[in-house]
Protein backbone atom coordinates (compact mmCIF):
# COMPACT_ATOMS: atom_id res chain seq x y z
CA MET A 1 -0.72 13.02 36.01
CA SER A 2 0.26 10.66 33.21
CA HIS A 3 1.76 7.26 33.88
CA LEU A 4 3.83 7.51 30.70
CA MET A 5 7.56 7.25 31.27
CA ASN A 6 9.15 10.69 31.03
CA ASN A 7 11.58 10.02 28.18
CA TYR A 8 10.19 12.47 25.60
CA ALA A 9 10.08 16.26 25.70
CA ARG A 10 6.56 16.22 24.25
CA GLN A 11 4.91 19.32 22.86
CA ALA A 12 1.59 20.33 24.46
CA VAL A 13 -0.63 19.19 21.60
CA ALA A 14 -2.50 16.00 20.73
CA PHE A 15 -3.64 15.37 17.17
CA THR A 16 -6.97 13.72 16.49
CA HIS A 17 -6.88 13.22 12.72
CA GLY A 18 -5.06 14.14 9.55
CA GLU A 19 -5.68 14.65 5.87
CA GLY A 20 -2.80 14.63 3.39
CA CYS A 21 -0.13 16.95 4.81
CA GLN A 22 -2.46 18.52 7.37
CA LEU A 23 -3.09 17.55 10.99
CA PHE A 24 -5.82 18.69 13.39
CA ASP A 25 -5.72 18.90 17.18
CA GLU A 26 -8.39 18.43 19.85
CA GLN A 27 -9.57 22.01 19.40
CA GLY A 28 -9.84 21.58 15.63
CA ARG A 29 -6.81 23.74 14.87
CA ARG A 30 -5.01 22.95 11.61
CA TYR A 31 -1.26 22.31 11.32
CA LEU A 32 0.93 21.78 8.26
CA ASP A 33 3.12 18.71 8.64
CA GLY A 34 6.72 19.44 7.69
CA LEU A 35 8.11 16.45 9.59
CA ALA A 36 6.06 13.41 8.45
CA GLY A 37 6.52 11.70 11.80
CA ILE A 38 10.31 12.05 11.28
CA ALA A 39 10.35 10.76 7.68
CA VAL A 40 7.75 8.07 8.38
CA ASN A 41 4.47 9.25 6.81
CA THR A 42 5.57 8.91 3.19
CA LEU A 43 1.99 9.20 1.91
CA GLY A 44 0.90 11.79 4.46
CA HIS A 45 -2.18 11.13 6.56
CA ASN A 46 -5.36 9.24 5.69
CA HIS A 47 -4.23 8.32 2.19
CA PRO A 48 -7.27 6.60 0.62
CA ARG A 49 -5.36 3.72 -0.99
CA LEU A 50 -3.45 2.97 2.20
CA VAL A 51 -6.56 3.19 4.39
CA ARG A 52 -8.46 0.85 2.07
CA ALA A 53 -5.63 -1.68 1.82
CA LEU A 54 -5.06 -1.76 5.58
CA SER A 55 -8.79 -2.04 6.32
CA ASP A 56 -9.10 -4.97 3.92
CA GLN A 57 -6.03 -6.66 5.41
CA VAL A 58 -7.21 -6.21 9.00
CA ALA A 59 -10.45 -7.94 8.02
CA ARG A 60 -8.48 -10.88 6.59
CA LEU A 61 -5.41 -11.41 8.79
CA ILE A 62 -3.28 -9.17 11.01
CA HIS A 63 -0.53 -11.42 12.34
CA VAL A 64 0.85 -14.92 12.16
CA SER A 65 4.20 -16.22 13.32
CA ASN A 66 7.27 -16.44 11.12
CA VAL A 67 7.10 -20.16 11.84
CA TYR A 68 4.81 -20.16 8.80
CA ARG A 69 4.98 -18.75 5.30
CA ILE A 70 3.57 -15.23 4.94
CA LYS A 71 2.62 -14.54 1.34
CA GLU A 72 2.59 -10.74 1.73
CA GLN A 73 6.11 -10.93 3.13
CA GLU A 74 7.34 -12.97 0.18
CA ILE A 75 5.82 -10.53 -2.31
CA LEU A 76 7.34 -7.54 -0.48
CA ALA A 77 10.77 -9.19 -0.34
CA ASP A 78 10.64 -9.78 -4.09
CA ARG A 79 9.62 -6.16 -4.68
CA LEU A 80 12.38 -4.71 -2.53
CA ALA A 81 14.94 -7.00 -4.15
CA ALA A 82 13.85 -5.82 -7.60
CA LEU A 83 14.14 -2.16 -6.61
CA SER A 84 17.49 -2.51 -4.85
CA GLY A 85 19.31 -5.32 -6.63
CA MET A 86 19.73 -7.12 -3.30
CA ASP A 87 19.33 -10.87 -2.79
CA GLU A 88 17.73 -11.48 0.61
CA VAL A 89 15.46 -9.61 3.02
CA PHE A 90 14.92 -9.98 6.77
CA PHE A 91 11.89 -8.12 8.17
CA CYS A 92 11.73 -6.51 11.59
CA ASN A 93 9.87 -3.58 13.18
CA SER A 94 12.16 -0.54 13.22
CA GLY A 95 15.35 1.07 12.00
CA CYS A 96 17.43 0.18 15.02
CA GLU A 97 16.36 -3.46 14.65
CA ALA A 98 17.40 -3.40 10.99
CA ASN A 99 20.78 -1.98 12.00
CA GLU A 100 21.10 -4.53 14.82
CA ALA A 101 20.62 -7.27 12.23
CA ALA A 102 23.32 -5.67 10.07
CA ILE A 103 25.76 -5.52 13.00
CA LYS A 104 25.13 -9.13 13.97
CA LEU A 105 25.52 -10.20 10.38
CA ALA A 106 28.86 -8.37 10.07
CA ARG A 107 30.15 -10.07 13.20
CA MET A 108 29.16 -13.51 11.95
CA PHE A 109 30.79 -12.68 8.61
CA GLY A 110 33.99 -11.82 10.49
CA HIS A 111 33.97 -14.99 12.56
CA GLN A 112 33.53 -17.03 9.40
CA LYS A 113 36.79 -15.42 8.26
CA ASP A 114 38.45 -16.49 11.55
CA ILE A 115 38.59 -12.94 12.94
CA ASP A 116 38.20 -13.20 16.72
CA GLN A 117 37.16 -9.59 17.39
CA PRO A 118 35.38 -8.30 14.25
CA ALA A 119 35.27 -4.51 14.01
CA ILE A 120 32.98 -2.19 12.06
CA ILE A 121 33.99 1.28 10.88
CA VAL A 122 31.33 3.88 11.73
CA MET A 123 31.15 7.66 11.26
CA GLU A 124 31.13 10.75 13.44
CA ARG A 125 27.67 12.39 13.80
CA ALA A 126 26.04 9.09 12.78
CA PHE A 127 22.77 7.92 14.27
CA HIS A 128 21.90 4.24 14.01
CA GLY A 129 19.44 3.72 16.90
CA ARG A 130 19.05 3.49 20.65
CA THR A 131 19.59 -0.20 21.43
CA LEU A 132 22.94 -0.85 23.08
CA ALA A 133 24.68 -1.99 19.90
CA THR A 134 23.23 0.70 17.61
CA LEU A 135 23.77 3.32 20.32
CA SER A 136 27.43 2.28 20.44
CA ALA A 137 27.67 2.64 16.66
CA THR A 138 26.09 6.10 16.86
CA GLY A 139 28.40 9.11 16.74
CA ASN A 140 26.59 11.29 19.28
CA ARG A 141 28.01 11.40 22.78
CA LYS A 142 24.86 13.06 24.15
CA VAL A 143 22.65 10.05 23.42
CA GLN A 144 25.31 7.60 24.66
CA ALA A 145 25.89 9.27 28.03
CA GLY A 146 24.65 7.25 30.97
CA PHE A 147 24.51 3.91 29.17
CA GLU A 148 28.12 2.80 29.54
CA PRO A 149 29.73 0.36 29.14
CA LEU A 150 29.05 0.61 25.43
CA VAL A 151 29.39 -2.31 23.06
CA HIS A 152 32.91 -2.77 21.73
CA GLY A 153 33.82 -3.45 18.13
CA PHE A 154 33.30 -0.06 16.47
CA VAL A 155 36.02 2.18 15.00
CA ARG A 156 34.92 5.77 14.44
CA VAL A 157 36.16 8.05 11.65
CA PRO A 158 35.08 11.49 10.38
CA TYR A 159 32.07 11.39 8.08
CA ALA A 160 32.82 10.80 4.40
CA ASP A 161 36.61 10.76 4.90
CA LEU A 162 38.21 8.14 2.65
CA ALA A 163 41.73 8.93 3.87
CA ALA A 164 40.73 8.18 7.46
CA ILE A 165 39.19 4.89 6.39
CA GLU A 166 42.35 3.96 4.47
CA GLN A 167 44.37 4.73 7.61
CA VAL A 168 42.21 2.39 9.69
CA ALA A 169 42.57 -0.28 7.02
CA MET A 170 46.35 -0.17 7.28
CA ASN A 171 46.35 -0.43 11.08
CA ASN A 172 43.41 -2.64 12.05
CA PRO A 173 43.25 -6.12 10.52
CA SER A 174 40.06 -6.89 12.46
CA VAL A 175 37.83 -4.61 10.39
CA VAL A 176 35.13 -6.54 8.51
CA ALA A 177 32.63 -3.85 7.46
CA VAL A 178 31.80 -0.16 7.11
CA LEU A 179 28.41 1.21 8.22
CA PHE A 180 27.32 4.67 7.09
CA GLU A 181 24.35 6.86 6.17
CA PRO A 182 24.35 8.32 2.63
CA VAL A 183 22.60 11.32 4.16
CA GLN A 184 22.95 11.92 7.89
CA GLY A 185 19.54 12.97 9.17
CA GLU A 186 19.95 13.19 12.94
CA GLY A 187 23.51 14.41 12.39
CA GLY A 188 22.32 17.61 10.69
CA ILE A 189 21.43 16.80 7.04
CA TYR A 190 24.89 16.06 5.66
CA ALA A 191 25.10 14.15 2.38
CA ALA A 192 28.01 11.98 1.28
CA SER A 193 29.27 12.76 -2.21
CA ASP A 194 28.93 10.25 -5.02
CA ASP A 195 32.73 10.12 -5.24
CA PHE A 196 32.98 9.18 -1.57
CA MET A 197 30.46 6.37 -1.94
CA ARG A 198 32.23 5.03 -5.02
CA GLY A 199 35.56 5.24 -3.23
CA LEU A 200 34.14 3.43 -0.23
CA ARG A 201 32.86 0.66 -2.49
CA ARG A 202 36.34 0.34 -3.98
CA ILE A 203 38.02 0.11 -0.55
CA CYS A 204 35.54 -2.51 0.67
CA ASP A 205 36.13 -4.59 -2.46
CA GLN A 206 39.89 -4.36 -2.05
CA ARG A 207 39.78 -5.30 1.64
CA GLY A 208 37.04 -7.90 1.51
CA TRP A 209 34.80 -5.80 3.79
CA LEU A 210 31.04 -5.57 3.76
CA LEU A 211 29.66 -2.19 2.67
CA MET A 212 26.65 -1.61 4.93
CA VAL A 213 24.34 1.34 4.39
CA ASP A 214 21.81 2.79 6.84
CA GLU A 215 18.94 4.06 4.68
CA VAL A 216 16.44 4.18 7.53
CA GLN A 217 15.80 7.92 7.14
CA CYS A 218 17.18 8.75 3.69
CA GLY A 219 15.76 5.74 1.83
CA MET A 220 12.30 5.12 0.41
CA GLY A 221 12.43 7.76 -2.32
CA ARG A 222 13.10 10.72 -0.08
CA THR A 223 16.17 11.85 -2.08
CA GLY A 224 14.73 11.09 -5.52
CA HIS A 225 16.05 7.54 -5.85
CA TRP A 226 14.49 4.57 -4.13
CA PHE A 227 17.62 4.44 -1.99
CA ALA A 228 20.11 7.29 -1.51
CA HIS A 229 23.24 5.26 -2.29
CA GLN A 230 21.85 4.68 -5.80
CA HIS A 231 22.81 8.28 -6.67
CA ALA A 232 26.40 7.00 -6.84
CA GLY A 233 25.51 4.02 -9.01
CA ILE A 234 26.95 1.54 -6.51
CA LYS A 235 25.69 -1.70 -5.04
CA VAL A 236 25.97 -2.39 -1.33
CA ASP A 237 26.23 -5.62 0.64
CA VAL A 238 23.82 -4.78 3.47
CA MET A 239 21.06 -2.16 3.65
CA ALA A 240 18.86 -1.18 6.59
CA LEU A 241 15.38 0.25 5.91
CA ALA A 242 12.44 1.35 8.06
CA LYS A 243 10.62 4.67 8.70
CA GLY A 244 8.90 5.53 5.40
CA LEU A 245 8.62 1.91 4.26
CA GLY A 246 5.21 1.43 5.91
CA SER A 247 3.85 5.01 5.86
CA GLY A 248 3.26 4.85 9.62
CA VAL A 249 2.81 1.14 10.20
CA PRO A 250 5.96 -0.13 11.97
CA ILE A 251 8.19 -2.17 9.66
CA GLY A 252 11.94 -2.44 9.14
CA ALA A 253 14.07 -4.51 6.81
CA CYS A 254 17.67 -5.65 6.53
CA LEU A 255 18.63 -6.52 2.94
CA THR A 256 21.73 -8.46 1.94
CA ALA A 257 23.60 -9.23 -1.27
CA GLY A 258 26.85 -10.75 -2.44
CA ALA A 259 29.12 -11.92 0.35
CA ALA A 260 26.53 -10.93 2.96
CA ALA A 261 23.79 -13.14 1.52
CA GLY A 262 23.28 -16.55 3.04
CA ILE A 263 25.12 -15.81 6.28
CA PHE A 264 22.10 -16.03 8.58
CA LYS A 265 20.71 -19.51 9.06
CA PRO A 266 17.64 -20.66 11.03
CA GLY A 267 18.11 -19.71 14.69
CA ASN A 268 20.69 -16.98 14.08
CA HIS A 269 18.24 -14.08 14.17
CA GLY A 270 14.51 -13.46 14.30
CA SER A 271 11.56 -11.21 15.10
CA THR A 272 8.13 -12.00 16.52
CA PHE A 273 6.23 -9.23 14.75
CA GLY A 274 8.60 -8.59 11.84
CA GLY A 275 7.01 -8.83 8.40
CA ASN A 276 3.50 -9.69 9.52
CA PRO A 277 0.69 -9.43 6.93
CA LEU A 278 -0.51 -6.00 8.09
CA ALA A 279 2.92 -4.37 8.02
CA CYS A 280 3.81 -5.88 4.66
CA THR A 281 0.51 -4.72 3.15
CA ALA A 282 1.32 -1.19 4.33
CA ALA A 283 4.74 -1.38 2.67
CA LEU A 284 3.44 -2.90 -0.58
CA THR A 285 0.78 -0.20 -0.84
CA THR A 286 3.32 2.53 -0.10
CA LEU A 287 5.60 1.28 -2.86
CA ALA A 288 2.71 1.02 -5.33
CA VAL A 289 1.50 4.57 -4.66
CA MET A 290 5.02 5.97 -4.86
CA GLU A 291 5.48 4.38 -8.26
CA ASP A 292 2.02 5.15 -9.66
CA ASP A 293 2.11 8.79 -8.52
CA GLN A 294 5.78 9.30 -9.50
CA LEU A 295 6.74 10.49 -6.03
CA LEU A 296 10.48 9.95 -6.54
CA PRO A 297 10.98 12.69 -9.15
CA ARG A 298 8.45 14.73 -7.21
CA ALA A 299 10.72 14.62 -4.14
CA VAL A 300 13.54 16.21 -6.13
CA ILE A 301 11.35 18.95 -7.62
CA LEU A 302 9.65 19.80 -4.34
CA GLY A 303 12.90 19.71 -2.37
CA GLN A 304 14.50 22.13 -4.80
CA ARG A 305 11.47 24.42 -4.58
CA ILE A 306 11.68 24.52 -0.79
CA CYS A 307 15.45 25.12 -0.74
CA ASP A 308 15.26 27.86 -3.40
CA ARG A 309 12.48 29.65 -1.52
CA LEU A 310 14.36 29.39 1.77
CA ARG A 311 17.55 30.76 0.24
CA GLU A 312 15.66 33.63 -1.35
CA GLN A 313 13.86 34.65 1.83
CA LEU A 314 16.75 34.09 4.25
CA ALA A 315 19.46 35.67 2.08
CA GLY A 316 21.63 38.15 3.91
CA LEU A 317 20.90 36.87 7.42
CA PRO A 318 24.32 36.26 9.03
CA ALA A 319 22.82 33.90 11.61
CA VAL A 320 21.85 31.47 8.84
CA LEU A 321 25.05 29.53 8.17
CA ASP A 322 23.80 27.09 5.56
CA ILE A 323 20.71 25.78 3.79
CA ARG A 324 21.30 22.27 2.48
CA GLY A 325 19.19 19.45 1.25
CA ASN A 326 18.90 16.27 -0.74
CA GLY A 327 15.39 15.86 -2.09
CA LEU A 328 12.98 16.13 0.82
CA MET A 329 15.68 16.04 3.50
CA ILE A 330 16.35 19.71 4.19
CA GLY A 331 18.36 21.46 6.90
CA VAL A 332 18.73 25.13 7.85
CA GLU A 333 21.81 25.56 10.02
CA LEU A 334 21.95 28.52 12.41
CA ASP A 335 24.82 29.98 14.38
CA ARG A 336 23.14 29.22 17.71
CA PRO A 337 21.08 26.52 19.46
CA CYS A 338 17.49 26.74 18.28
CA GLY A 339 15.50 23.98 19.99
CA GLY A 340 12.85 26.52 20.93
CA LEU A 341 11.84 26.78 17.29
CA VAL A 342 9.90 23.52 17.54
CA ALA A 343 7.37 25.07 19.94
CA ALA A 344 7.39 28.36 18.06
CA GLY A 345 6.65 26.55 14.82
CA LEU A 346 3.81 24.66 16.48
CA ASP A 347 2.32 27.95 17.70
CA ALA A 348 2.49 29.20 14.10
CA GLY A 349 0.81 26.07 12.77
CA ILE A 350 3.72 24.05 11.34
CA LEU A 351 5.46 20.87 12.47
CA ILE A 352 9.24 21.08 12.24
CA ASN A 353 12.18 19.58 14.08
CA VAL A 354 15.59 20.68 15.34
CA THR A 355 18.51 18.27 15.21
CA ALA A 356 22.20 18.59 16.10
CA ASP A 357 21.16 21.55 18.33
CA ARG A 358 21.39 24.14 15.55
CA VAL A 359 19.78 22.63 12.44
CA VAL A 360 16.11 23.09 11.58
CA ARG A 361 15.11 19.86 9.85
CA LEU A 362 12.32 19.51 7.30
CA LEU A 363 11.12 16.04 6.26
CA PRO A 364 7.69 16.63 4.70
CA PRO A 365 5.51 13.85 3.27
CA LEU A 366 6.28 13.03 -0.36
CA VAL A 367 2.70 13.94 -1.29
CA MET A 368 3.02 17.61 -0.30
CA ALA A 369 1.54 20.09 -2.82
CA ASP A 370 3.37 23.17 -4.12
CA ALA A 371 1.08 25.55 -2.24
CA GLU A 372 1.67 23.64 0.99
CA ALA A 373 5.43 23.73 0.46
CA ASP A 374 5.27 27.50 -0.05
CA GLU A 375 3.16 27.89 3.09
CA LEU A 376 5.63 25.78 5.06
CA VAL A 377 8.57 27.93 3.96
CA ASP A 378 6.80 31.25 4.44
CA THR A 379 5.67 30.33 7.95
CA LEU A 380 9.08 28.94 8.89
CA VAL A 381 10.82 32.09 7.67
CA THR A 382 8.51 34.25 9.78
CA VAL A 383 9.17 32.10 12.85
CA LEU A 384 12.93 32.06 12.20
CA LYS A 385 13.20 35.81 11.84
CA ALA A 386 11.22 36.38 15.02
CA PHE A 387 13.51 33.93 16.84
CA LEU A 388 16.66 35.60 15.56
CA ASP A 389 15.37 39.09 16.44
CA ALA A 390 14.38 38.12 19.97
């Protein structure tokens, strides 16, 4: 009997090692990774440049406190600022911590404008984390249930609905920011249009609000741009990053620009482990490999290949309601709950995920080869058809 807390519905497999987009279990069986640790393993498994960089860093220095300068952190902040056009970076350990920082920052921004109860507009189907504040911002009642009272200060609107946001603007003078995901991952792979993002930027400028973007899952090149909001050609005031930033080493970041920059002062926020030398080396190496190996355009090409192959092989199946994707964020929506497909996929030798009850989610590593992508699709189609025929 394990002493682990029972808060995960774990599959009955334990992996011992990986190579690229392949994983191997205790019996030596091979699996194709179509999930990348939920958009975390950007460079797959056992990438030689990442292994070498981390080994060298471990031999030098793993952790020091943020009481002192950390050179790797400064270099990474400069790199992220150059890629994003942002001004400042706060490092933490995870996506929910990055979003927590964004929420705290928005509240301080509101208080500086003499707003007693600052409010943040959030979206239906959103997922921003599992801490009390990010859980409250999340638009999923299932993950909120049992943790009431939730944190106040969030106003929820339908996803990507400018008219609803305008309506809130006319009726709630306490709003100080909007927080949204350019592509909702946990919500079922829904992408905001470029027109919506541009319209949202316009509204925030008119109202003096902060435009805050959660790029925890959809950032880091997964949609073909470094950050998904860049498809719309806009700049944001606050951006949360994590997941793929460290290729498996925990690291998150909250970036600020414009009116959001300079709000936090010493003592306002912090993190013990955030931005330590090991995590920052992982992120710097990830960024370097992505750029050197041109993984951003590769994400677009490979994502299109997977979607085209899925549409070809699943055409005519009435149970398949939609196949949608943005780069290497791909969802296959069915007309019924399909959580059992995770175990069925594992039995067939592929790692997949089901989100929003009815959406098969694919988030493969950005280093996946064409032949592996074809194998992933062909195996998934076989599993899907067997599930639908059962």
